[in-house]
C-alpha atoms as a PDB file:
ATOM      1  CA  UNK A   1     -48.937 189.124 -78.364  1.00  0.00           C
ATOM      2  CA  UNK A   2     -46.724 190.012 -81.294  1.00  0.00           C
ATOM      3  CA  UNK A   3     -45.407 193.475 -81.935  1.00  0.00           C
ATOM      4  CA  UNK A   4     -46.307 195.456 -85.039  1.00  0.00           C
ATOM      5  CA  UNK A   5     -42.850 194.822 -86.513  1.00  0.00           C
ATOM      6  CA  UNK A   6     -43.177 191.074 -85.965  1.00  0.00           C
ATOM      7  CA  UNK A   7     -46.570 190.972 -87.664  1.00  0.00           C
ATOM      8  CA  UNK A   8     -45.302 192.995 -90.625  1.00  0.00           C
ATOM      9  CA  UNK A   9     -42.262 190.735 -90.892  1.00  0.00           C
ATOM     10  CA  UNK A  10     -44.516 187.659 -90.986  1.00  0.00           C
ATOM     11  CA  UNK A  11     -46.695 189.306 -93.611  1.00  0.00           C
ATOM     12  CA  UNK A  12     -43.713 190.240 -95.812  1.00  0.00           C
ATOM     13  CA  UNK A  13     -42.763 186.564 -96.123  1.00  0.00           C
ATOM     14  CA  UNK A  14     -46.061 186.026 -97.943  1.00  0.00           C
ATOM     15  CA  UNK A  15     -45.721 188.699-100.644  1.00  0.00           C
ATOM     16  CA  UNK A  16     -46.744 187.210-103.974  1.00  0.00           C
ATOM     17  CA  UNK A  17     -48.672 184.332-102.403  1.00  0.00           C
ATOM     18  CA  UNK A  18     -52.245 183.560-103.308  1.00  0.00           C
ATOM     19  CA  UNK A  19     -55.101 183.076-100.875  1.00  0.00           C
ATOM     20  CA  UNK A  20     -58.823 183.490-100.475  1.00  0.00           C
ATOM     21  CA  UNK A  21     -60.477 186.520 -98.917  1.00  0.00           C
ATOM     22  CA  UNK A  22     -64.227 187.139 -98.805  1.00  0.00           C
ATOM     23  CA  UNK A  23     -64.809 184.102-101.002  1.00  0.00           C
ATOM     24  CA  UNK A  24     -62.566 185.255-103.861  1.00  0.00           C
ATOM     25  CA  UNK A  25     -59.057 184.432-105.015  1.00  0.00           C
ATOM     26  CA  UNK A  26     -56.432 187.132-104.369  1.00  0.00           C
ATOM     27  CA  UNK A  27     -52.665 187.614-104.419  1.00  0.00           C
ATOM     28  CA  UNK A  28     -50.825 189.694-101.811  1.00  0.00           C
ATOM     29  CA  UNK A  29     -48.970 192.307-103.871  1.00  0.00           C
ATOM     30  CA  UNK A  30     -47.950 195.123-101.531  1.00  0.00           C
ATOM     31  CA  UNK A  31     -47.660 196.170 -97.905  1.00  0.00           C
ATOM     32  CA  UNK A  32     -48.048 199.917 -97.411  1.00  0.00           C
ATOM     33  CA  UNK A  33     -46.534 200.272 -93.954  1.00  0.00           C
ATOM     34  CA  UNK A  34     -46.705 204.070 -93.818  1.00  0.00           C
ATOM     35  CA  UNK A  35     -50.422 203.961 -94.678  1.00  0.00           C
ATOM     36  CA  UNK A  36     -51.083 200.900 -92.515  1.00  0.00           C
ATOM     37  CA  UNK A  37     -52.634 198.979 -95.398  1.00  0.00           C
ATOM     38  CA  UNK A  38     -51.999 195.950 -97.550  1.00  0.00           C
ATOM     39  CA  UNK A  39     -52.943 195.486-101.187  1.00  0.00           C
ATOM     40  CA  UNK A  40     -54.524 192.380-102.665  1.00  0.00           C
ATOM     41  CA  UNK A  41     -54.890 191.780-106.407  1.00  0.00           C
ATOM     42  CA  UNK A  42     -57.807 189.714-107.704  1.00  0.00           C
ATOM     43  CA  UNK A  43     -56.994 186.498-109.481  1.00  0.00           C
ATOM     44  CA  UNK A  44     -60.317 186.183-111.291  1.00  0.00           C
ATOM     45  CA  UNK A  45     -60.116 184.226-114.561  1.00  0.00           C
ATOM     46  CA  UNK A  46     -61.611 187.166-116.462  1.00  0.00           C
ATOM     47  CA  UNK A  47     -60.751 190.519-114.869  1.00  0.00           C
ATOM     48  CA  UNK A  48     -63.388 193.263-114.863  1.00  0.00           C
ATOM     49  CA  UNK A  49     -63.441 195.977-117.509  1.00  0.00           C
ATOM     50  CA  UNK A  50     -61.708 199.151-116.361  1.00  0.00           C
ATOM     51  CA  UNK A  51     -62.943 202.564-117.404  1.00  0.00           C
ATOM     52  CA  UNK A  52     -60.798 205.410-118.680  1.00  0.00           C
ATOM     53  CA  UNK A  53     -60.932 208.919-117.176  1.00  0.00           C
ATOM     54  CA  UNK A  54     -64.130 209.635-119.133  1.00  0.00           C
ATOM     55  CA  UNK A  55     -65.979 206.524-117.942  1.00  0.00           C
ATOM     56  CA  UNK A  56     -65.626 204.648-121.224  1.00  0.00           C
ATOM     57  CA  UNK A  57     -64.696 200.964-121.217  1.00  0.00           C
ATOM     58  CA  UNK A  58     -60.979 200.823-121.903  1.00  0.00           C
ATOM     59  CA  UNK A  59     -59.394 197.483-120.988  1.00  0.00           C
ATOM     60  CA  UNK A  60     -59.517 194.548-118.601  1.00  0.00           C
ATOM     61  CA  UNK A  61     -57.333 194.638-115.515  1.00  0.00           C
ATOM     62  CA  UNK A  62     -57.254 192.868-112.148  1.00  0.00           C
ATOM     63  CA  UNK A  63     -59.131 194.517-109.316  1.00  0.00           C
ATOM     64  CA  UNK A  64     -57.125 195.732-106.317  1.00  0.00           C
ATOM     65  CA  UNK A  65     -58.326 195.778-102.746  1.00  0.00           C
ATOM     66  CA  UNK A  66     -56.724 197.644 -99.859  1.00  0.00           C
ATOM     67  CA  UNK A  67     -57.205 196.335 -96.331  1.00  0.00           C
ATOM     68  CA  UNK A  68     -56.314 198.089 -93.105  1.00  0.00           C
ATOM     69  CA  UNK A  69     -53.573 196.398 -91.099  1.00  0.00           C
ATOM     70  CA  UNK A  70     -54.329 197.817 -87.667  1.00  0.00           C
ATOM     71  CA  UNK A  71     -57.245 199.350 -85.782  1.00  0.00           C
ATOM     72  CA  UNK A  72     -57.134 202.865 -84.334  1.00  0.00           C
ATOM     73  CA  UNK A  73     -56.035 201.266 -81.059  1.00  0.00           C
ATOM     74  CA  UNK A  74     -53.036 199.681 -82.809  1.00  0.00           C
ATOM     75  CA  UNK A  75     -54.386 196.123 -82.705  1.00  0.00           C
ATOM     76  CA  UNK A  76     -54.281 193.883 -85.793  1.00  0.00           C
ATOM     77  CA  UNK A  77     -57.556 194.018 -87.723  1.00  0.00           C
ATOM     78  CA  UNK A  78     -59.713 190.939 -88.120  1.00  0.00           C
ATOM     79  CA  UNK A  79     -58.885 190.965 -91.850  1.00  0.00           C
ATOM     80  CA  UNK A  80     -55.141 190.888 -91.126  1.00  0.00           C
ATOM     81  CA  UNK A  81     -55.506 188.077 -88.605  1.00  0.00           C
ATOM     82  CA  UNK A  82     -57.617 185.958 -90.950  1.00  0.00           C
ATOM     83  CA  UNK A  83     -55.347 186.626 -93.908  1.00  0.00           C
ATOM     84  CA  UNK A  84     -52.238 185.586 -91.980  1.00  0.00           C
ATOM     85  CA  UNK A  85     -53.990 182.445 -90.774  1.00  0.00           C
ATOM     86  CA  UNK A  86     -55.006 181.592 -94.339  1.00  0.00           C
ATOM     87  CA  UNK A  87     -51.542 182.276 -95.746  1.00  0.00           C
ATOM     88  CA  UNK A  88     -49.842 180.257 -93.023  1.00  0.00           C
ATOM     89  CA  UNK A  89     -52.330 177.411 -93.284  1.00  0.00           C
ATOM     90  CA  UNK A  90     -53.419 177.576 -89.650  1.00  0.00           C
ATOM     91  CA  UNK A  91     -57.129 177.539 -90.485  1.00  0.00           C
ATOM     92  CA  UNK A  92     -59.259 175.110 -92.428  1.00  0.00           C
ATOM     93  CA  UNK A  93     -58.789 174.420 -96.110  1.00  0.00           C
ATOM     94  CA  UNK A  94     -61.699 176.692 -97.054  1.00  0.00           C
ATOM     95  CA  UNK A  95     -59.697 179.799 -96.159  1.00  0.00           C
ATOM     96  CA  UNK A  96     -56.708 178.782 -98.230  1.00  0.00           C
ATOM     97  CA  UNK A  97     -56.784 178.566-101.996  1.00  0.00           C
ATOM     98  CA  UNK A  98     -56.348 174.874-102.852  1.00  0.00           C
ATOM     99  CA  UNK A  99     -55.671 175.692-106.491  1.00  0.00           C
ATOM    100  CA  UNK A 100     -52.309 177.318-105.766  1.00  0.00           C
ATOM    101  CA  UNK A 101     -49.158 175.934-104.196  1.00  0.00           C
ATOM    102  CA  UNK A 102     -48.101 177.019-100.730  1.00  0.00           C
END
């Protein structure tokens, strides 16, 4: 089993890469080690409309998703394991985005 530092090191090599998660296209944009989370940015062709502080439609911007890196017991989450497998190409082609280079 890999240590936390080894997993984070592997994940850092994939910053900026695109993949699929939950059936959508995303890009890995940040690893928040102190919070134990990673940030994915949607790569949808037409980003959703974002609201201003008053709830009025303001502009279009990519959606961001934060995923936990580790469980309360310190084990890698299922999301982290699947994401690493997809980014490293160790699972079937459906988990990896075929529209983007490796």
